[in-house]
Amino acid sequence: MRYLYLILILALFSSCKESEKDKISRLVSEWEGKEIIFPAHSIFTIQGKDTVDFSFLDSEYKVVTYIDSIGCTSCKLQLPRWKQFMHEVDSTINGSIPFVFYFHPKDMKELHYITRRDAFNYPVCFDEKDDFNALNHFPVEMTFQTFLLDKENKVVAIGNPVHNPKVKELYLQVLTGGKNTKAKVEQPMTEVALNTESIDFGTFPQAEKQERKFMLTNTGKNLLVIYDVITSCGCTKVEFSKEGIRPGGDTELTVIYEAEKAEHFSKTITVYCNASNSPLRLKITGNAK
């Protein structure tokens, strides 16, 4: 069973370059079956205010994620997507699957603000001394700082389900014992062309919401289906049609950017679809003043 999930996880990243595949293979081999050690005394709170008694060690399965203090905290957290995934798990699984969040803050006030802004009413450990990472020495790549653990706290699967829909499907398959009826039916592969891979928004007032469009064309012979679109930051949203695009047809991705502060920005948009070059990596840049 353990080797099956190793193969499945590697298959999720089949579109990566060879060097990336090697790194993924090494990380998965290193962490698969490894026991995650939890600090002896962890304090969990709701939005940094109310301390709660959060018990998860004896659960059949648990989803554990660690967020370090490097880079854009809001980009890494993606709390609205976590809420969506948690709701999907709750509606799919008969029984409670605990989600264990350890955040190592570089700015405690910012973390409190983000959890309140996103109405994240779930227990979180603000691990100021980074004890959780000190015990386990997690990979530096954000993609590999989330784990599905069994009752013995051993890694069954590795990968972030809110950043990769294929990883989400894998988690659901494991949690349902392979009976996940919500898993997407694989579509025949097709080809897709982009009008551009990057858009420069230029300079604009920070308070003004910005909107731009990417155009995708189905240049293959089969229906084009967009499974999911994931942005690198909560300040970027994408509107797209979930209807299939026939060969020769076009579809728009409407990108909406709302700057949280005045800054020069560079954000990534990842499009998962049934194209041979999926996932598609798009970029937006600009300067909010």
C-alpha atoms as a PDB file:
ATOM      1  CA  MET A   1       0.000   0.000   0.000  1.00  0.00           C
ATOM      2  CA  ARG A   2       2.737   2.470   0.927  1.00  0.00           C
ATOM      3  CA  TYR A   3       4.474   2.042  -2.434  1.00  0.00           C
ATOM      4  CA  LEU A   4       1.173   2.513  -4.225  1.00  0.00           C
ATOM      5  CA  TYR A   5       0.814   6.002  -2.771  1.00  0.00           C
ATOM      6  CA  LEU A   6       4.429   6.764  -3.630  1.00  0.00           C
ATOM      7  CA  ILE A   7       3.675   5.943  -7.269  1.00  0.00           C
ATOM      8  CA  LEU A   8       0.442   7.946  -7.192  1.00  0.00           C
ATOM      9  CA  ILE A   9       2.125  11.032  -5.773  1.00  0.00           C
ATOM     10  CA  LEU A  10       4.881  10.920  -8.379  1.00  0.00           C
ATOM     11  CA  ALA A  11       2.212  10.616 -11.076  1.00  0.00           C
ATOM     12  CA  LEU A  12       0.607  13.853  -9.855  1.00  0.00           C
ATOM     13  CA  PHE A  13       3.688  15.757 -10.945  1.00  0.00           C
ATOM     14  CA  SER A  14       4.217  13.977 -14.274  1.00  0.00           C
ATOM     15  CA  SER A  15       4.353  17.295 -16.123  1.00  0.00           C
ATOM     16  CA  CYS A  16       7.384  18.487 -14.120  1.00  0.00           C
ATOM     17  CA  LYS A  17      10.838  18.729 -15.583  1.00  0.00           C
ATOM     18  CA  GLU A  18      13.150  15.782 -14.984  1.00  0.00           C
ATOM     19  CA  SER A  19      15.154  17.579 -12.290  1.00  0.00           C
ATOM     20  CA  GLU A  20      11.935  18.434 -10.445  1.00  0.00           C
ATOM     21  CA  LYS A  21      10.797  14.817 -10.708  1.00  0.00           C
ATOM     22  CA  ASP A  22      14.058  13.686  -9.139  1.00  0.00           C
ATOM     23  CA  LYS A  23      13.596  16.117  -6.250  1.00  0.00           C
ATOM     24  CA  ILE A  24       9.976  15.032  -5.762  1.00  0.00           C
ATOM     25  CA  SER A  25      10.993  11.367  -5.818  1.00  0.00           C
ATOM     26  CA  ARG A  26      13.669  12.010  -3.197  1.00  0.00           C
ATOM     27  CA  LEU A  27      11.326  13.946  -0.895  1.00  0.00           C
ATOM     28  CA  VAL A  28       8.479  11.453  -1.169  1.00  0.00           C
ATOM     29  CA  SER A  29      10.836   8.528  -0.547  1.00  0.00           C
ATOM     30  CA  GLU A  30      12.328  10.319   2.451  1.00  0.00           C
ATOM     31  CA  TRP A  31       9.003  11.210   4.097  1.00  0.00           C
ATOM     32  CA  GLU A  32       6.693   8.364   3.114  1.00  0.00           C
ATOM     33  CA  GLY A  33       6.117   6.202   6.218  1.00  0.00           C
ATOM     34  CA  LYS A  34       8.031   8.603   8.485  1.00  0.00           C
ATOM     35  CA  GLU A  35       6.559   9.396  11.897  1.00  0.00           C
ATOM     36  CA  ILE A  36       5.751  13.046  12.560  1.00  0.00           C
ATOM     37  CA  ILE A  37       6.640  14.162  16.093  1.00  0.00           C
ATOM     38  CA  PHE A  38       4.407  16.709  17.817  1.00  0.00           C
ATOM     39  CA  PRO A  39       5.571  19.101  20.567  1.00  0.00           C
ATOM     40  CA  ALA A  40       4.664  17.980  24.080  1.00  0.00           C
ATOM     41  CA  HIS A  41       2.812  21.209  24.819  1.00  0.00           C
ATOM     42  CA  SER A  42       1.082  22.990  21.935  1.00  0.00           C
ATOM     43  CA  ILE A  43      -1.462  25.728  22.531  1.00  0.00           C
ATOM     44  CA  PHE A  44      -4.271  25.937  19.978  1.00  0.00           C
ATOM     45  CA  THR A  45      -6.465  29.018  19.721  1.00  0.00           C
ATOM     46  CA  ILE A  46      -9.300  30.337  17.580  1.00  0.00           C
ATOM     47  CA  GLN A  47      -8.047  33.410  15.703  1.00  0.00           C
ATOM     48  CA  GLY A  48      -5.365  33.860  18.342  1.00  0.00           C
ATOM     49  CA  LYS A  49      -7.897  34.690  21.069  1.00  0.00           C
ATOM     50  CA  ASP A  50      -9.709  31.746  22.638  1.00  0.00           C
ATOM     51  CA  THR A  51      -7.638  28.750  23.777  1.00  0.00           C
ATOM     52  CA  VAL A  52      -9.273  25.420  22.936  1.00  0.00           C
ATOM     53  CA  ASP A  53      -8.751  21.813  23.961  1.00  0.00           C
ATOM     54  CA  PHE A  54      -7.845  20.267  20.610  1.00  0.00           C
ATOM     55  CA  SER A  55      -7.380  16.490  20.617  1.00  0.00           C
ATOM     56  CA  PHE A  56      -6.217  14.766  17.433  1.00  0.00           C
ATOM     57  CA  LEU A  57      -3.473  12.210  18.231  1.00  0.00           C
ATOM     58  CA  ASP A  58      -5.775   9.162  18.427  1.00  0.00           C
ATOM     59  CA  SER A  59      -7.637   9.839  15.174  1.00  0.00           C
ATOM     60  CA  GLU A  60      -7.594   7.225  12.415  1.00  0.00           C
ATOM     61  CA  TYR A  61      -6.289   9.850   9.993  1.00  0.00           C
ATOM     62  CA  LYS A  62      -5.298  13.484  10.323  1.00  0.00           C
ATOM     63  CA  VAL A  63      -4.223  16.218   7.903  1.00  0.00           C
ATOM     64  CA  VAL A  64      -1.252  18.207   9.214  1.00  0.00           C
ATOM     65  CA  THR A  65       0.161  21.358   7.690  1.00  0.00           C
ATOM     66  CA  TYR A  66       3.097  23.540   8.712  1.00  0.00           C
ATOM     67  CA  ILE A  67       3.527  27.102   7.468  1.00  0.00           C
ATOM     68  CA  ASP A  68       6.934  28.706   7.919  1.00  0.00           C
ATOM     69  CA  SER A  69       7.712  32.414   8.227  1.00  0.00           C
ATOM     70  CA  ILE A  70       9.387  32.786   4.829  1.00  0.00           C
ATOM     71  CA  GLY A  71       7.795  34.922   2.127  1.00  0.00           C
ATOM     72  CA  CYS A  72       4.192  36.083   1.797  1.00  0.00           C
ATOM     73  CA  THR A  73       2.161  34.674   4.702  1.00  0.00           C
ATOM     74  CA  SER A  74      -1.234  35.367   3.107  1.00  0.00           C
ATOM     75  CA  CYS A  75      -0.112  33.665  -0.105  1.00  0.00           C
ATOM     76  CA  LYS A  76       0.929  30.535   1.776  1.00  0.00           C
ATOM     77  CA  LEU A  77      -2.075  30.246   4.079  1.00  0.00           C
ATOM     78  CA  GLN A  78      -4.884  30.264   1.476  1.00  0.00           C
ATOM     79  CA  LEU A  79      -7.367  29.889   4.347  1.00  0.00           C
ATOM     80  CA  PRO A  80     -10.532  30.202   2.201  1.00  0.00           C
ATOM     81  CA  ARG A  81      -9.367  27.226   0.134  1.00  0.00           C
ATOM     82  CA  TRP A  82      -8.619  25.269   3.303  1.00  0.00           C
ATOM     83  CA  LYS A  83     -12.173  25.938   4.498  1.00  0.00           C
ATOM     84  CA  GLN A  84     -13.531  24.634   1.199  1.00  0.00           C
ATOM     85  CA  PHE A  85     -11.424  21.483   1.391  1.00  0.00           C
ATOM     86  CA  MET A  86     -12.336  20.855   5.032  1.00  0.00           C
ATOM     87  CA  HIS A  87     -16.024  21.203   4.171  1.00  0.00           C
ATOM     88  CA  GLU A  88     -15.599  18.747   1.287  1.00  0.00           C
ATOM     89  CA  VAL A  89     -13.883  16.224   3.563  1.00  0.00           C
ATOM     90  CA  ASP A  90     -16.597  16.608   6.219  1.00  0.00           C
ATOM     91  CA  SER A  91     -19.330  16.058   3.628  1.00  0.00           C
ATOM     92  CA  THR A  92     -17.554  13.015   2.157  1.00  0.00           C
ATOM     93  CA  ILE A  93     -16.239  11.166   5.217  1.00  0.00           C
ATOM     94  CA  ASN A  94     -18.418   9.541   7.854  1.00  0.00           C
ATOM     95  CA  GLY A  95     -16.577  10.750  10.924  1.00  0.00           C
ATOM     96  CA  SER A  96     -14.385  13.655  11.875  1.00  0.00           C
ATOM     97  CA  ILE A  97     -10.961  14.096  10.265  1.00  0.00           C
ATOM     98  CA  PRO A  98      -8.908  16.601  12.298  1.00  0.00           C
ATOM     99  CA  PHE A  99      -6.940  19.281  10.488  1.00  0.00           C
ATOM    100  CA  VAL A 100      -3.843  20.255  12.449  1.00  0.00           C
ATOM    101  CA  PHE A 101      -2.375  23.690  11.675  1.00  0.00           C
ATOM    102  CA  TYR A 102       1.015  24.839  12.945  1.00  0.00           C
ATOM    103  CA  PHE A 103       1.935  28.373  11.871  1.00  0.00           C
ATOM    104  CA  HIS A 104       5.390  29.771  12.617  1.00  0.00           C
ATOM    105  CA  PRO A 105       4.717  33.523  12.544  1.00  0.00           C
ATOM    106  CA  LYS A 106       7.099  36.245  11.485  1.00  0.00           C
ATOM    107  CA  ASP A 107       4.412  38.742  12.456  1.00  0.00           C
ATOM    108  CA  MET A 108       1.869  37.574  15.044  1.00  0.00           C
ATOM    109  CA  LYS A 109      -0.416  40.562  14.434  1.00  0.00           C
ATOM    110  CA  GLU A 110      -0.542  39.755  10.723  1.00  0.00           C
ATOM    111  CA  LEU A 111      -1.516  36.138  11.412  1.00  0.00           C
ATOM    112  CA  HIS A 112      -4.246  37.211  13.815  1.00  0.00           C
ATOM    113  CA  TYR A 113      -5.526  39.664  11.212  1.00  0.00           C
ATOM    114  CA  ILE A 114      -5.563  37.070   8.396  1.00  0.00           C
ATOM    115  CA  THR A 115      -7.409  34.427  10.426  1.00  0.00           C
ATOM    116  CA  ARG A 116     -10.022  37.000  11.433  1.00  0.00           C
ATOM    117  CA  ARG A 117     -10.296  38.514   7.952  1.00  0.00           C
ATOM    118  CA  ASP A 118     -10.914  35.062   6.453  1.00  0.00           C
ATOM    119  CA  ALA A 119     -13.260  34.039   9.296  1.00  0.00           C
ATOM    120  CA  PHE A 120     -11.127  30.987   9.988  1.00  0.00           C
ATOM    121  CA  ASN A 121     -12.799  29.557  13.078  1.00  0.00           C
ATOM    122  CA  TYR A 122     -10.672  26.459  13.408  1.00  0.00           C
ATOM    123  CA  PRO A 123      -7.945  25.678  15.994  1.00  0.00           C
ATOM    124  CA  VAL A 124      -4.480  26.907  15.026  1.00  0.00           C
ATOM    125  CA  CYS A 125      -1.190  26.672  16.885  1.00  0.00           C
ATOM    126  CA  PHE A 126       0.876  29.839  16.548  1.00  0.00           C
ATOM    127  CA  ASP A 127       4.250  28.177  17.052  1.00  0.00           C
ATOM    128  CA  GLU A 128       6.399  31.219  17.874  1.00  0.00           C
ATOM    129  CA  LYS A 129       9.514  29.186  18.746  1.00  0.00           C
ATOM    130  CA  ASP A 130       9.119  26.912  15.703  1.00  0.00           C
ATOM    131  CA  ASP A 131       9.173  23.809  17.934  1.00  0.00           C
ATOM    132  CA  PHE A 132       7.219  21.677  15.451  1.00  0.00           C
ATOM    133  CA  ASN A 133       9.763  22.221  12.691  1.00  0.00           C
ATOM    134  CA  ALA A 134      12.686  21.760  15.105  1.00  0.00           C
ATOM    135  CA  LEU A 135      11.402  18.271  15.908  1.00  0.00           C
ATOM    136  CA  ASN A 136      10.826  17.212  12.289  1.00  0.00           C
ATOM    137  CA  HIS A 137      12.976  19.402   9.989  1.00  0.00           C
ATOM    138  CA  PHE A 138      10.340  19.822   7.293  1.00  0.00           C
ATOM    139  CA  PRO A 139      11.242  20.420   3.629  1.00  0.00           C
ATOM    140  CA  VAL A 140      11.625  24.080   2.720  1.00  0.00           C
ATOM    141  CA  GLU A 141       9.242  23.709  -0.237  1.00  0.00           C
ATOM    142  CA  MET A 142       5.734  24.805   0.773  1.00  0.00           C
ATOM    143  CA  THR A 143       4.241  22.027  -1.383  1.00  0.00           C
ATOM    144  CA  PHE A 144       5.813  19.412   0.892  1.00  0.00           C
ATOM    145  CA  GLN A 145       4.902  20.878   4.268  1.00  0.00           C
ATOM    146  CA  THR A 146       1.470  19.212   4.389  1.00  0.00           C
ATOM    147  CA  PHE A 147       0.926  15.559   5.264  1.00  0.00           C
ATOM    148  CA  LEU A 148      -1.812  12.971   5.582  1.00  0.00           C
ATOM    149  CA  LEU A 149      -0.995  10.885   8.669  1.00  0.00           C
ATOM    150  CA  ASP A 150      -2.348   7.591   9.970  1.00  0.00           C
ATOM    151  CA  LYS A 151      -3.200   6.713  13.590  1.00  0.00           C
ATOM    152  CA  GLU A 152       0.510   6.189  14.409  1.00  0.00           C
ATOM    153  CA  ASN A 153       1.289   9.671  13.002  1.00  0.00           C
ATOM    154  CA  LYS A 154       3.143   8.143  10.061  1.00  0.00           C
ATOM    155  CA  VAL A 155       3.060   9.818   6.649  1.00  0.00           C
ATOM    156  CA  VAL A 156       0.618   8.164   4.263  1.00  0.00           C
ATOM    157  CA  ALA A 157       0.737  10.920   1.650  1.00  0.00           C
ATOM    158  CA  ILE A 158       2.565  14.211   1.218  1.00  0.00           C
ATOM    159  CA  GLY A 159       1.503  17.324  -0.685  1.00  0.00           C
ATOM    160  CA  ASN A 160      -0.735  20.357  -0.289  1.00  0.00           C
ATOM    161  CA  PRO A 161      -4.366  19.625  -1.270  1.00  0.00           C
ATOM    162  CA  VAL A 162      -5.357  23.303  -1.520  1.00  0.00           C
ATOM    163  CA  HIS A 163      -2.581  24.047  -4.011  1.00  0.00           C
ATOM    164  CA  ASN A 164      -2.987  20.963  -6.199  1.00  0.00           C
ATOM    165  CA  PRO A 165      -6.372  19.391  -7.073  1.00  0.00           C
ATOM    166  CA  LYS A 166      -4.717  16.055  -7.866  1.00  0.00           C
ATOM    167  CA  VAL A 167      -3.265  15.910  -4.352  1.00  0.00           C
ATOM    168  CA  LYS A 168      -6.742  16.727  -3.003  1.00  0.00           C
ATOM    169  CA  GLU A 169      -8.183  13.785  -4.947  1.00  0.00           C
ATOM    170  CA  LEU A 170      -5.435  11.533  -3.580  1.00  0.00           C
ATOM    171  CA  TYR A 171      -6.209  12.542   0.014  1.00  0.00           C
ATOM    172  CA  LEU A 172      -9.907  11.871  -0.530  1.00  0.00           C
ATOM    173  CA  GLN A 173      -9.166   8.505  -2.105  1.00  0.00           C
ATOM    174  CA  VAL A 174      -7.088   7.477   0.919  1.00  0.00           C
ATOM    175  CA  LEU A 175      -9.629   8.787   3.438  1.00  0.00           C
ATOM    176  CA  THR A 176     -12.500   6.949   1.751  1.00  0.00           C
ATOM    177  CA  GLY A 177     -10.569   3.729   1.234  1.00  0.00           C
ATOM    178  CA  GLY A 178     -10.608   4.225  -2.536  1.00  0.00           C
ATOM    179  CA  LYS A 179     -14.354   4.903  -2.614  1.00  0.00           C
ATOM    180  CA  ASN A 180     -14.248   8.614  -3.349  1.00  0.00           C
ATOM    181  CA  THR A 181     -17.223   9.103  -5.639  1.00  0.00           C
ATOM    182  CA  LYS A 182     -16.395  12.790  -6.061  1.00  0.00           C
ATOM    183  CA  ALA A 183     -13.097  12.143  -7.813  1.00  0.00           C
ATOM    184  CA  LYS A 184     -13.100  13.659 -11.291  1.00  0.00           C
ATOM    185  CA  VAL A 185     -13.398  11.386 -14.281  1.00  0.00           C
ATOM    186  CA  GLU A 186     -10.252  11.712 -16.353  1.00  0.00           C
ATOM    187  CA  GLN A 187     -10.905  13.421 -19.679  1.00  0.00           C
ATOM    188  CA  PRO A 188      -9.084  12.506 -22.914  1.00  0.00           C
ATOM    189  CA  MET A 189      -6.058  14.745 -23.371  1.00  0.00           C
ATOM    190  CA  THR A 190      -6.170  17.731 -25.694  1.00  0.00           C
ATOM    191  CA  GLU A 191      -3.987  20.734 -26.585  1.00  0.00           C
ATOM    192  CA  VAL A 192      -4.307  24.336 -25.491  1.00  0.00           C
ATOM    193  CA  ALA A 193      -2.815  27.618 -26.705  1.00  0.00           C
ATOM    194  CA  LEU A 194      -2.555  30.874 -24.722  1.00  0.00           C
ATOM    195  CA  ASN A 195      -2.741  34.388 -26.102  1.00  0.00           C
ATOM    196  CA  THR A 196      -0.066  35.274 -23.527  1.00  0.00           C
ATOM    197  CA  GLU A 197       1.573  33.739 -20.474  1.00  0.00           C
ATOM    198  CA  SER A 198       2.040  37.016 -18.588  1.00  0.00           C
ATOM    199  CA  ILE A 199       0.249  40.335 -18.189  1.00  0.00           C
ATOM    200  CA  ASP A 200       1.742  43.552 -16.836  1.00  0.00           C
ATOM    201  CA  PHE A 201      -0.913  45.602 -15.056  1.00  0.00           C
ATOM    202  CA  GLY A 202       1.329  48.664 -15.110  1.00  0.00           C
ATOM    203  CA  THR A 203       1.123  51.299 -12.360  1.00  0.00           C
ATOM    204  CA  PHE A 204      -2.222  52.032 -10.709  1.00  0.00           C
ATOM    205  CA  PRO A 205      -3.634  53.409  -7.429  1.00  0.00           C
ATOM    206  CA  GLN A 206      -3.538  50.779  -4.685  1.00  0.00           C
ATOM    207  CA  ALA A 207      -7.235  51.259  -3.862  1.00  0.00           C
ATOM    208  CA  GLU A 208      -8.387  50.482  -7.431  1.00  0.00           C
ATOM    209  CA  LYS A 209      -9.436  46.927  -8.252  1.00  0.00           C
ATOM    210  CA  GLN A 210      -7.788  45.720 -11.455  1.00  0.00           C
ATOM    211  CA  GLU A 211      -9.139  43.247 -14.004  1.00  0.00           C
ATOM    212  CA  ARG A 212      -7.421  41.591 -16.982  1.00  0.00           C
ATOM    213  CA  LYS A 213      -8.107  38.568 -19.190  1.00  0.00           C
ATOM    214  CA  PHE A 214      -6.153  35.584 -20.460  1.00  0.00           C
ATOM    215  CA  MET A 215      -7.516  33.723 -23.487  1.00  0.00           C
ATOM    216  CA  LEU A 216      -7.233  29.935 -23.835  1.00  0.00           C
ATOM    217  CA  THR A 217      -7.878  28.196 -27.158  1.00  0.00           C
ATOM    218  CA  ASN A 218      -8.554  24.479 -27.491  1.00  0.00           C
ATOM    219  CA  THR A 219      -6.249  23.513 -30.373  1.00  0.00           C
ATOM    220  CA  GLY A 220      -6.611  19.769 -29.820  1.00  0.00           C
ATOM    221  CA  LYS A 221      -9.191  17.184 -30.866  1.00  0.00           C
ATOM    222  CA  ASN A 222     -10.977  16.612 -27.552  1.00  0.00           C
ATOM    223  CA  LEU A 223     -13.094  18.672 -25.182  1.00  0.00           C
ATOM    224  CA  LEU A 224     -11.007  21.016 -22.985  1.00  0.00           C
ATOM    225  CA  VAL A 225     -12.003  20.927 -19.300  1.00  0.00           C
ATOM    226  CA  ILE A 226     -10.554  23.275 -16.670  1.00  0.00           C
ATOM    227  CA  TYR A 227     -10.489  21.390 -13.368  1.00  0.00           C
ATOM    228  CA  ASP A 228      -9.270  24.173 -11.115  1.00  0.00           C
ATOM    229  CA  VAL A 229      -7.426  27.504 -11.079  1.00  0.00           C
ATOM    230  CA  ILE A 230      -5.194  28.295  -8.108  1.00  0.00           C
ATOM    231  CA  THR A 231      -3.603  31.656  -7.378  1.00  0.00           C
ATOM    232  CA  SER A 232      -0.467  32.255  -5.338  1.00  0.00           C
ATOM    233  CA  CYS A 233      -2.174  34.890  -3.190  1.00  0.00           C
ATOM    234  CA  GLY A 234      -5.599  35.646  -1.761  1.00  0.00           C
ATOM    235  CA  CYS A 235      -5.434  39.110  -3.333  1.00  0.00           C
ATOM    236  CA  THR A 236      -5.783  37.495  -6.773  1.00  0.00           C
ATOM    237  CA  LYS A 237      -9.018  35.859  -7.913  1.00  0.00           C
ATOM    238  CA  VAL A 238      -9.866  34.205 -11.213  1.00  0.00           C
ATOM    239  CA  GLU A 239     -13.277  33.788 -12.814  1.00  0.00           C
ATOM    240  CA  PHE A 240     -13.615  31.061 -15.446  1.00  0.00           C
ATOM    241  CA  SER A 241     -16.206  28.864 -17.087  1.00  0.00           C
ATOM    242  CA  LYS A 242     -16.529  25.279 -15.888  1.00  0.00           C
ATOM    243  CA  GLU A 243     -18.209  24.289 -19.143  1.00  0.00           C
ATOM    244  CA  GLY A 244     -16.151  22.195 -21.539  1.00  0.00           C
ATOM    245  CA  ILE A 245     -14.587  23.995 -24.511  1.00  0.00           C
ATOM    246  CA  ARG A 246     -14.987  22.264 -27.856  1.00  0.00           C
ATOM    247  CA  PRO A 247     -12.021  21.877 -30.266  1.00  0.00           C
ATOM    248  CA  GLY A 248     -11.314  25.231 -31.871  1.00  0.00           C
ATOM    249  CA  GLY A 249     -13.197  27.096 -29.157  1.00  0.00           C
ATOM    250  CA  ASP A 250     -11.952  29.813 -26.801  1.00  0.00           C
ATOM    251  CA  THR A 251     -12.489  30.595 -23.128  1.00  0.00           C
ATOM    252  CA  GLU A 252     -11.486  33.542 -20.956  1.00  0.00           C
ATOM    253  CA  LEU A 253      -9.829  33.593 -17.559  1.00  0.00           C
ATOM    254  CA  THR A 254     -10.755  36.868 -15.876  1.00  0.00           C
ATOM    255  CA  VAL A 255      -8.092  37.837 -13.332  1.00  0.00           C
ATOM    256  CA  ILE A 256      -9.130  40.243 -10.578  1.00  0.00           C
ATOM    257  CA  TYR A 257      -6.382  41.784  -8.467  1.00  0.00           C
ATOM    258  CA  GLU A 258      -7.027  43.796  -5.299  1.00  0.00           C
ATOM    259  CA  ALA A 259      -3.803  45.077  -3.760  1.00  0.00           C
ATOM    260  CA  GLU A 260      -3.578  44.655   0.006  1.00  0.00           C
ATOM    261  CA  LYS A 261      -0.918  47.372   0.153  1.00  0.00           C
ATOM    262  CA  ALA A 262       1.133  49.641  -2.068  1.00  0.00           C
ATOM    263  CA  GLU A 263       3.849  47.504  -3.635  1.00  0.00           C
ATOM    264  CA  HIS A 264       5.320  46.055  -6.789  1.00  0.00           C
ATOM    265  CA  PHE A 265       3.837  42.590  -7.209  1.00  0.00           C
ATOM    266  CA  SER A 266       4.411  39.390  -9.147  1.00  0.00           C
ATOM    267  CA  LYS A 267       1.742  36.698  -8.753  1.00  0.00           C
ATOM    268  CA  THR A 268       1.338  33.242 -10.243  1.00  0.00           C
ATOM    269  CA  ILE A 269      -1.845  31.638 -11.556  1.00  0.00           C
ATOM    270  CA  THR A 270      -1.846  27.859 -12.021  1.00  0.00           C
ATOM    271  CA  VAL A 271      -4.428  26.298 -14.330  1.00  0.00           C
ATOM    272  CA  TYR A 272      -5.158  22.581 -14.041  1.00  0.00           C
ATOM    273  CA  CYS A 273      -6.856  21.101 -17.088  1.00  0.00           C
ATOM    274  CA  ASN A 274      -6.752  18.083 -19.415  1.00  0.00           C
ATOM    275  CA  ALA A 275      -4.156  19.632 -21.729  1.00  0.00           C
ATOM    276  CA  SER A 276      -0.865  17.847 -22.357  1.00  0.00           C
ATOM    277  CA  ASN A 277       1.074  20.805 -20.906  1.00  0.00           C
ATOM    278  CA  SER A 278      -1.056  21.107 -17.754  1.00  0.00           C
ATOM    279  CA  PRO A 279      -0.657  22.707 -15.308  1.00  0.00           C
ATOM    280  CA  LEU A 280      -0.363  26.033 -17.109  1.00  0.00           C
ATOM    281  CA  ARG A 281       1.648  28.698 -15.267  1.00  0.00           C
ATOM    282  CA  LEU A 282       0.497  32.278 -15.841  1.00  0.00           C
ATOM    283  CA  LYS A 283       1.932  35.416 -14.300  1.00  0.00           C
ATOM    284  CA  ILE A 284       0.692  38.896 -13.521  1.00  0.00           C
ATOM    285  CA  THR A 285       2.905  41.806 -12.502  1.00  0.00           C
ATOM    286  CA  GLY A 286       2.380  45.458 -11.724  1.00  0.00           C
ATOM    287  CA  ASN A 287       2.926  48.305  -9.339  1.00  0.00           C
ATOM    288  CA  ALA A 288       0.212  49.374  -6.895  1.00  0.00           C
ATOM    289  CA  LYS A 289       0.880  52.858  -5.525  1.00  0.00           C
END
